[in-house]
Amino acid sequence: MADEKVIHIAAAVITDPLGRVLLVRKRNTAFYMQPGGKIEAGERPATALVRELHEELQMQVAEQNAAFLGQFTDIAANEPGYRLIADVFTVPAPAHIVTASAEIEDVIWLSPSASEGVPLAPLTRKQLLPLLMEAKTPINP
């Protein structure tokens, strides 16, 4: 479809040893989602992810430490009428406390099985958290 509105992003699934997943909420939005962001023209998804993690969370991640999990499609959480294409990577949990920066207002560590009542982006709620629950152990590269 030529007039379809699409957002292409790179996103990270980051779990800690307890199996909790790191989620962020952008300023002036309601939904929690994986950290990451839009891929710029000519940019590789892994490069975009490393850039976004640094901008949003002050995380230093080497591209080789981002393992491709898959490409997922869903409804964009904060941009009505858009379809989201997400290149998703697993990234090791940081050894330090994550700091919300740029457009990120809140950061949480959420157990996938305890997400009831937390406003989650469609991709997170319908695809990524169920994938984490199926894995039984934390997904790490």
Protein backbone atom coordinates (compact mmCIF):
# COMPACT_ATOMS: atom_id res chain seq x y z
CA MET A 1 0.00 0.00 0.00
CA ALA A 2 1.61 3.22 -1.15
CA ASP A 3 -0.10 5.58 1.33
CA GLU A 4 0.33 3.37 4.36
CA LYS A 5 1.89 5.28 7.25
CA VAL A 6 4.79 3.32 8.74
CA ILE A 7 7.27 4.01 11.52
CA HIS A 8 10.44 1.89 11.47
CA ILE A 9 12.24 1.63 14.79
CA ALA A 10 14.98 -0.29 16.56
CA ALA A 11 14.09 -1.45 20.07
CA ALA A 12 15.79 -3.30 22.91
CA VAL A 13 14.62 -6.14 25.11
CA ILE A 14 16.69 -5.76 28.26
CA THR A 15 16.10 -8.20 31.10
CA ASP A 16 17.73 -8.43 34.50
CA PRO A 17 18.69 -11.65 36.35
CA LEU A 18 15.21 -11.70 37.95
CA GLY A 19 13.55 -11.81 34.51
CA ARG A 20 12.20 -8.28 34.74
CA VAL A 21 12.18 -6.23 31.54
CA LEU A 22 13.27 -2.61 31.26
CA LEU A 23 10.51 -0.36 29.92
CA VAL A 24 10.36 3.37 29.30
CA ARG A 25 7.60 5.95 28.99
CA LYS A 26 8.16 9.00 26.86
CA ARG A 27 7.21 12.46 28.08
CA ASN A 28 3.52 13.36 27.53
CA THR A 29 2.55 9.76 26.70
CA ALA A 30 0.76 7.03 28.66
CA PHE A 31 2.32 3.82 27.37
CA TYR A 32 5.41 1.94 28.55
CA MET A 33 7.50 0.28 25.86
CA GLN A 34 10.95 -1.05 25.05
CA PRO A 35 13.65 1.60 24.82
CA GLY A 36 14.75 2.53 21.32
CA GLY A 37 13.59 4.79 18.55
CA LYS A 38 13.29 5.70 14.93
CA ILE A 39 15.93 4.59 12.46
CA GLU A 40 17.36 7.53 10.53
CA ALA A 41 17.79 7.43 6.73
CA GLY A 42 20.78 5.27 5.81
CA GLU A 43 21.25 4.08 9.39
CA ARG A 44 21.48 0.38 10.26
CA PRO A 45 19.00 -0.79 12.93
CA ALA A 46 21.75 -1.86 15.38
CA THR A 47 23.46 1.52 14.98
CA ALA A 48 20.17 3.31 15.61
CA LEU A 49 19.60 1.23 18.73
CA VAL A 50 23.02 2.03 20.18
CA ARG A 51 22.44 5.75 19.49
CA GLU A 52 18.94 5.72 21.01
CA LEU A 53 20.01 3.82 24.15
CA HIS A 54 22.73 6.39 24.72
CA GLU A 55 20.40 9.35 24.10
CA GLU A 56 17.45 8.01 26.12
CA LEU A 57 19.13 6.10 28.98
CA GLN A 58 22.81 7.12 29.00
CA MET A 59 23.66 3.46 28.26
CA GLN A 60 26.89 2.60 26.48
CA VAL A 61 26.24 -0.50 24.35
CA ALA A 62 28.55 -1.88 21.68
CA GLU A 63 26.77 -2.95 18.49
CA GLN A 64 28.22 -6.45 18.78
CA ASN A 65 26.43 -6.80 22.14
CA ALA A 66 23.02 -6.26 20.54
CA ALA A 67 21.68 -9.63 19.36
CA PHE A 68 18.91 -9.51 16.74
CA LEU A 69 15.73 -11.08 18.13
CA GLY A 70 13.46 -10.46 15.14
CA GLN A 71 11.34 -7.99 13.24
CA PHE A 72 7.86 -7.36 14.63
CA THR A 73 4.89 -5.40 13.27
CA ASP A 74 2.10 -3.84 15.31
CA ILE A 75 0.11 -0.67 15.86
CA ALA A 76 2.13 2.40 16.85
CA ALA A 77 1.33 3.30 20.46
CA ASN A 78 1.67 7.06 20.35
CA GLU A 79 1.01 7.89 16.70
CA PRO A 80 -2.57 7.04 15.69
CA GLY A 81 -3.00 5.65 12.19
CA TYR A 82 0.59 4.41 11.93
CA ARG A 83 1.87 0.86 11.65
CA LEU A 84 5.04 0.07 13.55
CA ILE A 85 7.86 -2.07 12.18
CA ALA A 86 10.35 -2.86 14.95
CA ASP A 87 13.75 -4.46 14.57
CA VAL A 88 14.14 -5.84 18.09
CA PHE A 89 17.45 -6.74 19.72
CA THR A 90 18.36 -8.22 23.08
CA VAL A 91 20.87 -6.17 25.02
CA PRO A 92 22.64 -7.08 28.29
CA ALA A 93 21.30 -5.39 31.40
CA PRO A 94 23.42 -2.41 32.43
CA ALA A 95 25.60 -2.71 35.52
CA HIS A 96 24.56 0.79 36.62
CA ILE A 97 21.29 2.51 37.41
CA VAL A 98 19.56 3.59 34.20
CA THR A 99 18.98 7.34 33.91
CA ALA A 100 16.02 8.72 31.96
CA SER A 101 17.23 11.35 29.47
CA ALA A 102 16.02 13.16 26.35
CA GLU A 103 12.29 12.49 25.84
CA ILE A 104 12.11 9.68 28.42
CA GLU A 105 10.11 10.59 31.50
CA ASP A 106 9.98 7.28 33.37
CA VAL A 107 11.90 4.00 33.51
CA ILE A 108 10.62 0.82 35.19
CA TRP A 109 11.72 -2.79 35.59
CA LEU A 110 8.59 -4.92 35.10
CA SER A 111 8.02 -8.61 35.63
CA PRO A 112 6.23 -9.87 32.48
CA SER A 113 3.82 -11.87 34.63
CA ALA A 114 2.93 -8.81 36.76
CA SER A 115 2.00 -6.35 34.04
CA GLU A 116 -1.74 -6.13 34.84
CA GLY A 117 -2.75 -2.49 35.19
CA VAL A 118 0.40 -1.09 33.58
CA PRO A 119 -0.40 0.81 30.36
CA LEU A 120 1.71 -0.98 27.74
CA ALA A 121 2.34 -0.26 24.07
CA PRO A 122 0.68 -2.82 21.76
CA LEU A 123 3.99 -4.36 20.64
CA THR A 124 5.11 -4.80 24.25
CA ARG A 125 1.77 -6.13 25.51
CA LYS A 126 0.79 -8.42 22.64
CA GLN A 127 4.13 -9.73 21.41
CA LEU A 128 7.24 -9.07 23.48
CA LEU A 129 6.03 -9.77 27.02
CA PRO A 130 4.37 -13.06 25.95
CA LEU A 131 7.65 -14.01 24.25
CA LEU A 132 9.53 -13.33 27.48
CA MET A 133 7.04 -15.36 29.52
CA GLU A 134 7.42 -18.32 27.11
CA ALA A 135 11.22 -18.18 27.42
CA LYS A 136 11.04 -19.11 31.16
CA THR A 137 14.53 -17.65 31.68
CA PRO A 138 15.71 -14.09 31.02
CA ILE A 139 16.54 -13.46 27.37
CA ASN A 140 20.06 -12.09 27.13
CA PRO A 141 22.53 -12.03 24.27
